[in-house]
Amino acid sequence: MVEITSYILIGITCFCFGLIVSIQIAHINYCRKLVQLVRRSVSTKTIAPVLAEYEAMKAKK
């Protein structure tokens, strides 16, 4: 009985760890994309890259 409880706790811990890691990876990817958009916007001195990306995301949905 103790083994089943231990396995369940290990499974829950692994699930939570995986969830946290996946959220962090998604956050890093979105931050990188945002930084690229900001750099392009600063270099062109317009918000056109942001608007173009917004339209591209809108078209995908």
Protein backbone atom coordinates (compact mmCIF):
# COMPACT_ATOMS: atom_id res chain seq x y z
CA MET A 1 0.00 0.00 0.00
CA VAL A 2 2.86 2.35 0.75
CA GLU A 3 4.32 1.74 -2.69
CA ILE A 4 1.10 2.77 -4.44
CA THR A 5 0.95 5.99 -2.43
CA SER A 6 4.60 6.73 -3.20
CA TYR A 7 4.07 6.13 -6.91
CA ILE A 8 1.03 8.41 -6.94
CA LEU A 9 2.97 11.18 -5.17
CA ILE A 10 5.90 10.78 -7.55
CA GLY A 11 3.50 10.93 -10.51
CA ILE A 12 1.83 14.09 -9.22
CA THR A 13 5.23 15.69 -8.58
CA CYS A 14 6.43 14.84 -12.10
CA PHE A 15 3.22 16.22 -13.59
CA CYS A 16 3.54 19.49 -11.68
CA PHE A 17 7.21 19.81 -12.59
CA GLY A 18 6.41 19.22 -16.28
CA LEU A 19 3.63 21.78 -16.15
CA ILE A 20 5.90 24.41 -14.64
CA VAL A 21 8.67 23.72 -17.15
CA SER A 22 6.30 23.91 -20.12
CA ILE A 23 4.87 27.23 -18.92
CA GLN A 24 8.39 28.64 -18.55
CA ILE A 25 9.39 27.47 -22.04
CA ALA A 26 6.27 29.08 -23.53
CA HIS A 27 7.00 32.29 -21.62
CA ILE A 28 10.58 32.39 -22.91
CA ASN A 29 9.41 31.86 -26.50
CA TYR A 30 6.83 34.64 -26.29
CA CYS A 31 9.35 37.00 -24.68
CA ARG A 32 11.85 36.35 -27.48
CA LYS A 33 9.19 37.05 -30.08
CA LEU A 34 8.21 40.25 -28.30
CA VAL A 35 11.84 41.39 -28.10
CA GLN A 36 12.25 40.82 -31.85
CA LEU A 37 9.13 42.89 -32.55
CA VAL A 38 10.31 45.68 -30.27
CA ARG A 39 13.76 45.75 -31.91
CA ARG A 40 12.20 45.94 -35.38
CA SER A 41 9.82 48.67 -34.21
CA VAL A 42 12.64 50.71 -32.71
CA SER A 43 14.84 50.33 -35.77
CA THR A 44 12.04 51.39 -38.15
CA LYS A 45 10.66 53.95 -35.68
CA THR A 46 7.09 52.80 -36.40
CA ILE A 47 4.66 50.25 -35.03
CA ALA A 48 4.22 48.68 -38.46
CA PRO A 49 6.00 45.40 -37.52
CA VAL A 50 3.66 44.96 -34.55
CA LEU A 51 0.60 45.59 -36.69
CA ALA A 52 1.86 43.23 -39.39
CA GLU A 53 2.42 40.47 -36.82
CA TYR A 54 -1.03 41.10 -35.37
CA GLU A 55 -2.62 40.75 -38.79
CA ALA A 56 -0.63 37.57 -39.48
CA MET A 57 -1.78 36.04 -36.18
CA LYS A 58 -5.35 37.11 -36.90
CA ALA A 59 -5.24 35.44 -40.32
CA LYS A 60 -3.98 32.17 -38.81
CA LYS A 61 -7.03 31.89 -36.56
